[in-house]
Protein backbone atom coordinates (compact mmCIF):
# COMPACT_ATOMS: atom_id res chain seq x y z
CA MET A 1 -17.83 1.77 0.58
CA ILE A 2 -14.35 0.24 1.06
CA LEU A 3 -12.98 -1.33 -2.17
CA ASP A 4 -11.49 -4.77 -1.91
CA PRO A 5 -7.82 -4.99 -2.88
CA LYS A 6 -8.44 -6.20 -6.45
CA GLU A 7 -11.03 -3.22 -6.97
CA ALA A 8 -8.51 -0.78 -5.67
CA GLU A 9 -5.74 -2.20 -7.86
CA ARG A 10 -7.89 -1.99 -10.87
CA LEU A 11 -8.64 1.66 -10.20
CA LEU A 12 -5.02 2.50 -9.68
CA GLU A 13 -3.01 0.13 -11.85
CA LYS A 14 -2.35 2.78 -14.48
CA ALA A 15 -1.19 5.16 -11.79
CA VAL A 16 1.27 3.12 -9.92
CA PRO A 17 2.80 -0.41 -10.23
CA PHE A 18 1.47 -3.26 -7.95
CA PRO A 19 3.38 -6.43 -6.98
CA LYS A 20 2.14 -9.73 -8.47
CA ASN A 21 -0.58 -11.06 -6.33
CA TYR A 22 -3.34 -13.78 -6.02
CA ILE A 23 -6.36 -14.06 -3.80
CA ILE A 24 -6.33 -17.37 -1.93
CA LYS A 25 -9.70 -18.81 -0.84
CA ASP A 26 -8.57 -22.13 0.49
CA LYS A 27 -5.53 -24.56 0.89
CA LYS A 28 -6.27 -25.80 -2.66
CA ASP A 29 -5.26 -22.39 -3.99
CA LEU A 30 -1.77 -22.29 -2.29
CA GLY A 31 -0.14 -23.59 -5.46
CA ARG A 32 -1.03 -20.24 -7.02
CA ALA A 33 0.88 -18.53 -4.17
CA GLU A 34 3.99 -20.62 -4.85
CA ARG A 35 4.26 -19.12 -8.34
CA LEU A 36 5.23 -15.73 -6.73
CA GLY A 37 8.43 -17.35 -5.33
CA PHE A 38 9.74 -16.77 -1.95
CA PRO A 39 9.76 -14.79 0.24
CA LEU A 40 6.10 -13.87 -0.20
CA VAL A 41 3.44 -11.95 1.77
CA LEU A 42 0.10 -13.21 3.05
CA LYS A 43 -2.46 -10.72 4.12
CA ILE A 44 -6.02 -10.88 5.64
CA ILE A 45 -8.73 -9.41 3.29
CA SER A 46 -11.64 -8.03 5.12
CA PRO A 47 -13.81 -4.89 4.88
CA GLU A 48 -13.78 -4.89 8.65
CA VAL A 49 -9.90 -4.39 8.94
CA MET A 50 -8.51 -1.09 8.27
CA HIS A 51 -4.92 -1.77 9.37
CA LYS A 52 -3.92 -5.38 8.91
CA THR A 53 -0.88 -5.31 11.22
CA ASP A 54 -3.11 -4.23 14.09
CA VAL A 55 -4.94 -7.58 13.97
CA ASP A 56 -1.87 -9.65 13.25
CA GLY A 57 -3.08 -10.05 9.72
CA VAL A 58 0.21 -10.07 7.78
CA ARG A 59 2.76 -12.92 7.43
CA ILE A 60 6.10 -12.95 5.54
CA VAL A 61 6.63 -16.57 4.29
CA ASN A 62 10.31 -17.24 3.55
CA GLU A 63 10.02 -20.90 2.28
CA ARG A 64 7.66 -23.21 0.66
CA SER A 65 7.44 -25.52 3.76
CA LYS A 66 5.93 -22.77 5.84
CA LEU A 67 3.33 -21.54 3.47
CA LYS A 68 0.45 -23.87 4.51
CA LYS A 69 1.29 -23.23 8.14
CA GLU A 70 1.15 -19.53 7.95
CA PHE A 71 -1.98 -19.51 5.74
CA GLU A 72 -3.69 -21.59 8.45
CA LYS A 73 -2.56 -19.25 11.19
CA LEU A 74 -4.09 -16.33 9.47
CA ILE A 75 -7.37 -18.22 9.10
CA LYS A 76 -7.32 -19.09 12.81
CA THR A 77 -6.58 -15.47 13.69
CA ALA A 78 -9.59 -14.15 11.68
CA LYS A 79 -11.92 -16.79 13.34
CA LYS A 80 -10.56 -15.85 16.76
CA ARG A 81 -11.22 -12.23 16.23
CA ARG A 82 -14.40 -12.86 14.41
CA ILE A 83 -13.12 -11.19 11.21
CA ARG A 84 -15.31 -11.72 8.13
CA LEU A 85 -12.86 -12.80 5.66
CA LYS A 86 -13.02 -12.32 1.85
CA GLY A 87 -9.94 -14.40 1.42
CA ILE A 88 -6.17 -14.18 1.94
CA LEU A 89 -3.95 -12.09 -0.37
CA ALA A 90 -0.75 -13.77 -1.51
CA GLN A 91 1.65 -10.97 -2.70
CA GLU A 92 5.17 -10.92 -4.23
CA PHE A 93 7.68 -9.63 -1.57
CA THR A 94 9.26 -6.08 -2.45
CA GLU A 95 12.12 -4.87 -0.49
CA GLY A 96 12.77 -1.20 -0.04
CA TYR A 97 11.76 1.87 1.99
CA GLU A 98 8.22 2.68 3.03
CA PHE A 99 6.47 5.97 1.95
CA ILE A 100 2.65 6.79 2.14
CA ILE A 101 0.70 8.58 -0.45
CA GLY A 102 -2.84 9.54 0.86
CA ILE A 103 -5.89 11.38 -0.59
CA LYS A 104 -8.63 12.98 1.43
CA ARG A 105 -11.68 14.96 0.18
CA ASP A 106 -12.62 18.11 1.88
CA LYS A 107 -16.07 19.85 1.45
CA VAL A 108 -14.47 23.27 0.80
CA PHE A 109 -11.12 22.41 -0.83
CA GLY A 110 -11.90 19.06 -2.59
CA HIS A 111 -9.18 16.61 -2.69
CA SER A 112 -5.71 16.98 -1.03
CA LEU A 113 -2.77 14.70 -1.41
CA LEU A 114 -0.41 13.76 1.63
CA LEU A 115 3.09 12.36 1.20
CA GLY A 116 5.04 11.09 4.12
CA ALA A 117 7.16 8.41 5.86
CA GLY A 118 5.10 5.11 5.66
CA GLY A 119 4.33 1.86 7.37
CA ILE A 120 4.83 2.04 11.19
CA PHE A 121 6.56 5.41 10.81
CA THR A 122 3.48 7.21 9.60
CA GLU A 123 2.08 7.94 13.11
CA ILE A 124 5.40 7.74 15.01
CA TYR A 125 7.32 10.36 13.25
CA ASN A 126 4.35 12.45 11.78
CA ASP A 127 6.67 13.31 8.94
CA LYS A 128 4.37 14.50 6.07
CA THR A 129 3.61 17.26 3.58
CA ILE A 130 0.38 18.17 1.94
CA ARG A 131 -0.80 19.82 -1.30
CA ILE A 132 -4.20 20.57 -2.78
CA CYS A 133 -4.93 18.67 -5.92
CA PRO A 134 -4.02 18.79 -8.74
CA VAL A 135 -0.43 18.08 -7.86
CA SER A 136 2.31 18.85 -10.55
CA GLU A 137 5.52 17.14 -11.03
CA LYS A 138 7.19 20.36 -9.76
CA ASP A 139 4.93 20.12 -6.52
CA ALA A 140 5.88 16.40 -6.11
CA ALA A 141 9.55 17.16 -6.20
CA GLU A 142 9.15 19.90 -3.57
CA MET A 143 7.08 17.56 -1.42
CA LEU A 144 9.81 14.94 -1.48
CA GLU A 145 12.44 17.51 -0.46
CA GLU A 146 10.33 18.49 2.61
CA LEU A 147 10.40 15.04 4.10
CA LYS A 148 12.91 14.57 6.97
CA PHE A 149 12.63 10.82 6.33
CA LEU A 150 14.08 11.17 2.78
CA LYS A 151 16.96 13.46 4.11
CA ALA A 152 17.75 10.88 6.68
CA LEU A 153 17.93 8.05 4.06
CA ARG A 154 20.18 10.29 1.80
CA SER A 155 22.56 10.94 4.79
CA ARG A 156 22.90 7.16 5.06
CA GLY A 157 23.79 6.86 1.35
CA LYS A 158 20.56 5.19 0.43
CA LYS A 159 19.55 5.46 -3.32
CA LEU A 160 15.96 5.47 -4.34
CA ASN A 161 14.17 5.96 -7.65
CA LEU A 162 12.49 9.20 -6.78
CA ASN A 163 11.34 9.71 -10.35
CA SER A 164 9.03 6.78 -9.84
CA VAL A 165 7.75 8.33 -6.62
CA LYS A 166 7.03 11.76 -8.28
CA LYS A 167 5.23 9.99 -11.14
CA ALA A 168 3.13 8.13 -8.70
CA ILE A 169 2.20 11.26 -6.81
CA VAL A 170 1.12 13.12 -9.97
CA ASN A 171 -0.85 10.09 -11.36
CA ILE A 172 -2.69 9.56 -7.97
CA SER A 173 -3.66 13.25 -7.95
CA LYS A 174 -5.19 12.70 -11.51
CA ILE A 175 -7.10 9.64 -10.19
CA ALA A 176 -8.59 11.80 -7.57
CA GLU A 177 -9.57 14.53 -10.15
CA LYS A 178 -11.28 11.84 -12.41
CA ASN A 179 -12.96 10.03 -9.57
CA THR A 180 -14.71 12.68 -7.43
CA GLY A 181 -16.38 10.05 -5.39
CA ILE A 182 -13.22 8.94 -3.68
CA SER A 183 -13.38 10.19 -0.13
CA GLU A 184 -10.16 8.57 1.28
CA LEU A 185 -7.25 6.75 -0.55
CA ASP A 186 -4.19 5.45 1.13
CA ILE A 187 -1.17 3.76 -0.42
CA ASN A 188 0.65 2.67 2.69
CA PRO A 189 3.18 1.54 2.25
CA LEU A 190 4.49 2.51 -1.05
CA ILE A 191 7.78 0.59 -1.25
CA VAL A 192 10.56 2.40 -2.87
CA ASN A 193 14.01 1.07 -3.94
CA GLU A 194 16.79 1.87 -6.44
CA ARG A 195 14.63 0.43 -9.31
CA LYS A 196 10.99 1.23 -8.57
CA ALA A 197 8.17 2.38 -6.38
CA VAL A 198 5.45 -0.27 -5.79
CA ALA A 199 2.07 0.03 -4.06
CA VAL A 200 1.98 -2.92 -1.70
CA ASP A 201 -1.04 -2.00 0.35
CA VAL A 202 -3.99 0.09 -0.71
CA ARG A 203 -7.14 1.35 0.81
CA VAL A 204 -9.83 3.26 -1.05
CA ILE A 205 -13.15 4.57 0.33
CA SER A 206 -15.60 5.72 -2.25
CA ASP A 207 -19.16 7.02 -2.17
C-alpha cells in the first residue's frame, strides 16, 4: 500500500519538518494555495505515479497570475496520460540543496537506511551510503562525511544545517523501528539550506 502525501506526512511529521501545503481538488480551492505565497510548487497526487517529474507532474509557480494556468496544465497532463488523480498538492517552495533519505526492509537484516545526493542526482551520481537500523547520531555524522556531494558543496563554500540532517536521519531510523510494516520509505528530496532540512517529497510503502 502506497500512502498518500498527507498520510505519509502524518507518519513522519515528528521525525522531520514538512513545508506548508494544501491538497487542491478543483479551481475553487486555488485560494488556499495562494496563502502559501509565491513561488509555490504544484504536484500531481496519484498512487500510480512513483516519480512525479517523470510524467511532467511538477510545476513551480512564480506569481499569482500563473497559478490557475499551471493547475489546469497538470490536470490536462493527468488526463492525457490517463493518470488517476487524488488531487494536486500545493506546497510552499523551499530553496536549498537536495539529499535523499531512504529506508528499505530486508528479510534477513530488517530495515536499512540510505543517505545520498537527492533529486535528479540520485541516479546520475549514485553517491550514497547505507547503514543497518537503528542509526545513531554518530552513524549519521559518519554517513554525511562519506558523501562526495557534501564535500563538493563545502569546496564551493556552501553552508548547510547538517545538525538538522543528522536529526532527520536518526528520527527516520526510529520510525522504521516502530513501524515494522514499512517496506520502503523515500524522502527525495530532503531540501537542506543554512537554516533547516525539509522533506518536500515523500513516498511510503507499507504492508
